Amino acid sequence: MQLSQTAEYALRAVVWLAEHPGDPQTTQQIADGCKVPVSYLSKVFQPLSKVGMVSAQRGLGGGYVLERDVDQISLLDVVNAVEPVQRIRSCPLKLASHGSKLCALHQSLDNAMAEVEQRFGQIMIGQLLRNSTGVRPLCETTGLAQLGISARAGGSPGQAP
């Protein structure tokens, strides 16, 4: 299964905002940090705003901020806000002989999608930020790591100090 581009961009944007708690981020900052076309961000933020996950602050010093705690936002919450995981509820071929039952193929595919949904629901954005893989989401850390400086201590993620 591959996530849609919109879902991938939404996840990147939410992680970026989570990295900047309480600090409104402009669409340009988010686009640069997440490698997302600035023109695409409005498509991403509309549904996230609609479900109350993010809000926009207008004016000088404005931008987007997360409205929910990072430990209360799952990957599934973000994905479902923009493009819900598609489950198979009835025969995609619309075969009358299948009625309301799924054949073994489609039942297996739906079971796999259920597992994806379950796993996405268990992974919180806050977990991603605390993950100890040594590679921070959305941040180029190679140069900083070589200097022995953490990206968080050195300034804004993705920027050299």
C-alpha atoms as a PDB file:
ATOM      1  CA  MET A   1       0.000   0.000   0.000  1.00  0.00           C
ATOM      2  CA  GLN A   2       1.254   3.427  -0.833  1.00  0.00           C
ATOM      3  CA  LEU A   3      -0.103   6.574   0.751  1.00  0.00           C
ATOM      4  CA  SER A   4      -1.488   9.230  -1.527  1.00  0.00           C
ATOM      5  CA  GLN A   5       0.643  12.295  -2.071  1.00  0.00           C
ATOM      6  CA  THR A   6      -1.886  14.379  -0.143  1.00  0.00           C
ATOM      7  CA  ALA A   7      -1.718  12.044   2.879  1.00  0.00           C
ATOM      8  CA  GLU A   8       2.101  12.055   2.770  1.00  0.00           C
ATOM      9  CA  TYR A   9       2.161  15.862   2.597  1.00  0.00           C
ATOM     10  CA  ALA A  10      -0.349  16.118   5.454  1.00  0.00           C
ATOM     11  CA  LEU A  11       1.779  13.859   7.636  1.00  0.00           C
ATOM     12  CA  ARG A  12       4.888  15.916   6.846  1.00  0.00           C
ATOM     13  CA  ALA A  13       3.084  19.183   7.626  1.00  0.00           C
ATOM     14  CA  VAL A  14       1.702  17.900  10.934  1.00  0.00           C
ATOM     15  CA  VAL A  15       5.134  16.617  11.983  1.00  0.00           C
ATOM     16  CA  TRP A  16       6.634  19.994  11.044  1.00  0.00           C
ATOM     17  CA  LEU A  17       4.048  21.838  13.142  1.00  0.00           C
ATOM     18  CA  ALA A  18       4.630  19.404  15.997  1.00  0.00           C
ATOM     19  CA  GLU A  19       8.328  20.312  15.858  1.00  0.00           C
ATOM     20  CA  HIS A  20       7.328  23.979  16.325  1.00  0.00           C
ATOM     21  CA  PRO A  21       4.789  23.950  19.192  1.00  0.00           C
ATOM     22  CA  GLY A  22       3.105  27.285  19.729  1.00  0.00           C
ATOM     23  CA  ASP A  23       5.180  28.908  16.991  1.00  0.00           C
ATOM     24  CA  PRO A  24       2.926  29.778  14.026  1.00  0.00           C
ATOM     25  CA  GLN A  25       4.494  28.573  10.791  1.00  0.00           C
ATOM     26  CA  THR A  26       3.896  30.260   7.457  1.00  0.00           C
ATOM     27  CA  THR A  27       3.036  28.209   4.411  1.00  0.00           C
ATOM     28  CA  GLN A  28       6.459  29.082   3.006  1.00  0.00           C
ATOM     29  CA  GLN A  29       8.256  27.823   6.115  1.00  0.00           C
ATOM     30  CA  ILE A  30       6.260  24.609   6.057  1.00  0.00           C
ATOM     31  CA  ALA A  31       6.742  24.137   2.318  1.00  0.00           C
ATOM     32  CA  ASP A  32      10.491  24.643   2.604  1.00  0.00           C
ATOM     33  CA  GLY A  33      10.841  22.409   5.653  1.00  0.00           C
ATOM     34  CA  CYS A  34       8.622  19.617   4.357  1.00  0.00           C
ATOM     35  CA  LYS A  35       9.591  19.708   0.688  1.00  0.00           C
ATOM     36  CA  VAL A  36       5.947  20.317  -0.242  1.00  0.00           C
ATOM     37  CA  PRO A  37       4.876  22.718  -2.997  1.00  0.00           C
ATOM     38  CA  VAL A  38       3.543  25.836  -1.291  1.00  0.00           C
ATOM     39  CA  SER A  39       0.560  25.858  -3.665  1.00  0.00           C
ATOM     40  CA  TYR A  40      -0.419  22.352  -2.472  1.00  0.00           C
ATOM     41  CA  LEU A  41      -0.487  23.216   1.221  1.00  0.00           C
ATOM     42  CA  SER A  42      -3.947  24.828   1.113  1.00  0.00           C
ATOM     43  CA  LYS A  43      -5.349  21.510  -0.165  1.00  0.00           C
ATOM     44  CA  VAL A  44      -3.623  19.787   2.743  1.00  0.00           C
ATOM     45  CA  PHE A  45      -4.616  22.253   5.462  1.00  0.00           C
ATOM     46  CA  GLN A  46      -8.315  22.602   4.575  1.00  0.00           C
ATOM     47  CA  PRO A  47      -9.365  19.167   5.845  1.00  0.00           C
ATOM     48  CA  LEU A  48      -6.915  19.322   8.770  1.00  0.00           C
ATOM     49  CA  SER A  49      -8.519  22.619   9.817  1.00  0.00           C
ATOM     50  CA  LYS A  50     -12.003  21.225   9.328  1.00  0.00           C
ATOM     51  CA  VAL A  51     -11.379  18.451  11.885  1.00  0.00           C
ATOM     52  CA  GLY A  52      -9.790  20.925  14.330  1.00  0.00           C
ATOM     53  CA  MET A  53      -6.281  19.530  14.084  1.00  0.00           C
ATOM     54  CA  VAL A  54      -4.692  22.773  12.897  1.00  0.00           C
ATOM     55  CA  SER A  55      -5.703  26.403  12.810  1.00  0.00           C
ATOM     56  CA  ALA A  56      -4.505  29.426  10.911  1.00  0.00           C
ATOM     57  CA  GLN A  57      -3.592  32.714  12.518  1.00  0.00           C
ATOM     58  CA  ARG A  58      -3.744  35.693  10.190  1.00  0.00           C
ATOM     59  CA  GLY A  59      -1.581  38.766  10.174  1.00  0.00           C
ATOM     60  CA  LEU A  60       1.960  39.592  11.152  1.00  0.00           C
ATOM     61  CA  GLY A  61       3.449  36.694  13.073  1.00  0.00           C
ATOM     62  CA  GLY A  62       0.635  34.441  11.911  1.00  0.00           C
ATOM     63  CA  GLY A  63       0.687  31.029  10.371  1.00  0.00           C
ATOM     64  CA  TYR A  64      -0.481  27.507  11.086  1.00  0.00           C
ATOM     65  CA  VAL A  65      -0.352  25.835  14.488  1.00  0.00           C
ATOM     66  CA  LEU A  66      -1.413  22.450  15.833  1.00  0.00           C
ATOM     67  CA  GLU A  67      -4.534  22.577  17.957  1.00  0.00           C
ATOM     68  CA  ARG A  68      -4.177  19.143  19.544  1.00  0.00           C
ATOM     69  CA  ASP A  69      -1.543  17.544  21.724  1.00  0.00           C
ATOM     70  CA  VAL A  70       0.998  15.549  19.695  1.00  0.00           C
ATOM     71  CA  ASP A  71       0.319  12.515  21.884  1.00  0.00           C
ATOM     72  CA  GLN A  72      -3.359  12.658  20.922  1.00  0.00           C
ATOM     73  CA  ILE A  73      -2.831  12.752  17.134  1.00  0.00           C
ATOM     74  CA  SER A  74      -2.309   9.417  15.418  1.00  0.00           C
ATOM     75  CA  LEU A  75      -1.093   8.794  11.897  1.00  0.00           C
ATOM     76  CA  LEU A  76      -4.599   7.485  11.218  1.00  0.00           C
ATOM     77  CA  ASP A  77      -6.147  10.769  12.407  1.00  0.00           C
ATOM     78  CA  VAL A  78      -4.050  12.699   9.896  1.00  0.00           C
ATOM     79  CA  VAL A  79      -4.566  10.275   7.017  1.00  0.00           C
ATOM     80  CA  ASN A  80      -8.309   9.991   7.621  1.00  0.00           C
ATOM     81  CA  ALA A  81      -8.637  13.767   7.717  1.00  0.00           C
ATOM     82  CA  VAL A  82      -7.321  14.139   4.173  1.00  0.00           C
ATOM     83  CA  GLU A  83      -7.953  10.786   2.444  1.00  0.00           C
ATOM     84  CA  PRO A  84      -9.403   8.025   4.598  1.00  0.00           C
ATOM     85  CA  VAL A  85      -8.025   4.503   4.344  1.00  0.00           C
ATOM     86  CA  GLN A  86     -10.208   2.668   1.848  1.00  0.00           C
ATOM     87  CA  ARG A  87     -11.705  -0.557   3.134  1.00  0.00           C
ATOM     88  CA  ILE A  88     -13.449  -3.115   0.942  1.00  0.00           C
ATOM     89  CA  ARG A  89     -17.075  -3.391   2.095  1.00  0.00           C
ATOM     90  CA  SER A  90     -18.577  -5.158  -0.907  1.00  0.00           C
ATOM     91  CA  CYS A  91     -17.392  -6.918  -4.038  1.00  0.00           C
ATOM     92  CA  PRO A  92     -15.454  -4.363  -6.130  1.00  0.00           C
ATOM     93  CA  LEU A  93     -16.563  -6.267  -9.240  1.00  0.00           C
ATOM     94  CA  LYS A  94     -20.205  -5.975  -8.168  1.00  0.00           C
ATOM     95  CA  LEU A  95     -20.751  -9.687  -8.791  1.00  0.00           C
ATOM     96  CA  ALA A  96     -24.311 -10.568  -7.840  1.00  0.00           C
ATOM     97  CA  SER A  97     -23.267 -14.073  -6.820  1.00  0.00           C
ATOM     98  CA  HIS A  98     -21.046 -12.637  -4.070  1.00  0.00           C
ATOM     99  CA  GLY A  99     -23.920 -10.748  -2.500  1.00  0.00           C
ATOM    100  CA  SER A 100     -22.691  -8.985   0.625  1.00  0.00           C
ATOM    101  CA  LYS A 101     -19.780 -11.405   1.128  1.00  0.00           C
ATOM    102  CA  LEU A 102     -16.230 -10.862  -0.029  1.00  0.00           C
ATOM    103  CA  CYS A 103     -14.298 -13.525  -1.911  1.00  0.00           C
ATOM    104  CA  ALA A 104     -11.049 -14.803  -0.373  1.00  0.00           C
ATOM    105  CA  LEU A 105      -8.971 -12.321  -2.385  1.00  0.00           C
ATOM    106  CA  HIS A 106     -10.924  -9.247  -1.396  1.00  0.00           C
ATOM    107  CA  GLN A 107     -11.372 -10.428   2.191  1.00  0.00           C
ATOM    108  CA  SER A 108      -7.589 -10.844   2.472  1.00  0.00           C
ATOM    109  CA  LEU A 109      -6.997  -7.378   1.029  1.00  0.00           C
ATOM    110  CA  ASP A 110      -9.529  -5.866   3.422  1.00  0.00           C
ATOM    111  CA  ASN A 111      -7.928  -7.683   6.355  1.00  0.00           C
ATOM    112  CA  ALA A 112      -4.571  -6.166   5.383  1.00  0.00           C
ATOM    113  CA  MET A 113      -6.137  -2.708   5.208  1.00  0.00           C
ATOM    114  CA  ALA A 114      -7.664  -3.280   8.652  1.00  0.00           C
ATOM    115  CA  GLU A 115      -4.190  -4.067   9.987  1.00  0.00           C
ATOM    116  CA  VAL A 116      -2.817  -0.877   8.402  1.00  0.00           C
ATOM    117  CA  GLU A 117      -5.642   1.118   9.970  1.00  0.00           C
ATOM    118  CA  GLN A 118      -5.002  -0.448  13.358  1.00  0.00           C
ATOM    119  CA  ARG A 119      -1.254   0.217  13.225  1.00  0.00           C
ATOM    120  CA  PHE A 120      -1.689   3.790  11.990  1.00  0.00           C
ATOM    121  CA  GLY A 121      -4.089   4.339  14.887  1.00  0.00           C
ATOM    122  CA  GLN A 122      -1.431   3.208  17.368  1.00  0.00           C
ATOM    123  CA  ILE A 123       1.349   5.517  16.182  1.00  0.00           C
ATOM    124  CA  MET A 124       1.147   8.994  17.667  1.00  0.00           C
ATOM    125  CA  ILE A 125       2.901  12.036  16.236  1.00  0.00           C
ATOM    126  CA  GLY A 126       4.581  12.566  19.602  1.00  0.00           C
ATOM    127  CA  GLN A 127       6.131   9.094  19.347  1.00  0.00           C
ATOM    128  CA  LEU A 128       7.688  10.018  16.016  1.00  0.00           C
ATOM    129  CA  LEU A 129       9.312  13.068  17.571  1.00  0.00           C
ATOM    130  CA  ARG A 130      10.728  11.011  20.432  1.00  0.00           C
ATOM    131  CA  ASN A 131      11.877   8.101  18.263  1.00  0.00           C
ATOM    132  CA  SER A 132      15.485   7.265  18.963  1.00  0.00           C
ATOM    133  CA  THR A 133      16.573   6.133  15.483  1.00  0.00           C
ATOM    134  CA  GLY A 134      19.067   8.975  15.323  1.00  0.00           C
ATOM    135  CA  VAL A 135      17.284  10.471  12.321  1.00  0.00           C
ATOM    136  CA  ARG A 136      14.760  13.205  13.047  1.00  0.00           C
ATOM    137  CA  PRO A 137      11.682  13.543  10.841  1.00  0.00           C
ATOM    138  CA  LEU A 138      12.027  16.094   8.053  1.00  0.00           C
ATOM    139  CA  CYS A 139      15.406  17.326   9.204  1.00  0.00           C
ATOM    140  CA  GLU A 140      18.720  17.188   7.438  1.00  0.00           C
ATOM    141  CA  THR A 141      21.007  16.294  10.308  1.00  0.00           C
ATOM    142  CA  THR A 142      24.131  15.062   8.514  1.00  0.00           C
ATOM    143  CA  GLY A 143      26.054  18.322   8.760  1.00  0.00           C
ATOM    144  CA  LEU A 144      25.052  18.918  12.364  1.00  0.00           C
ATOM    145  CA  ALA A 145      25.813  15.341  13.391  1.00  0.00           C
ATOM    146  CA  GLN A 146      29.285  15.605  11.947  1.00  0.00           C
ATOM    147  CA  LEU A 147      29.834  18.675  14.099  1.00  0.00           C
ATOM    148  CA  GLY A 148      28.485  16.883  17.181  1.00  0.00           C
ATOM    149  CA  ILE A 149      25.577  19.329  17.468  1.00  0.00           C
ATOM    150  CA  SER A 150      21.951  18.264  17.757  1.00  0.00           C
ATOM    151  CA  ALA A 151      19.559  19.988  15.388  1.00  0.00           C
ATOM    152  CA  ARG A 152      17.351  21.027  18.307  1.00  0.00           C
ATOM    153  CA  ALA A 153      20.238  22.703  20.128  1.00  0.00           C
ATOM    154  CA  GLY A 154      21.467  24.397  16.977  1.00  0.00           C
ATOM    155  CA  GLY A 155      18.337  26.240  15.958  1.00  0.00           C
ATOM    156  CA  SER A 156      15.483  25.595  13.596  1.00  0.00           C
ATOM    157  CA  PRO A 157      15.156  22.079  12.222  1.00  0.00           C
ATOM    158  CA  GLY A 158      16.646  21.768   8.780  1.00  0.00           C
ATOM    159  CA  GLN A 159      18.857  24.821   9.188  1.00  0.00           C
ATOM    160  CA  ALA A 160      22.469  25.030  10.226  1.00  0.00           C
ATOM    161  CA  PRO A 161      23.111  27.013  13.406  1.00  0.00           C
END
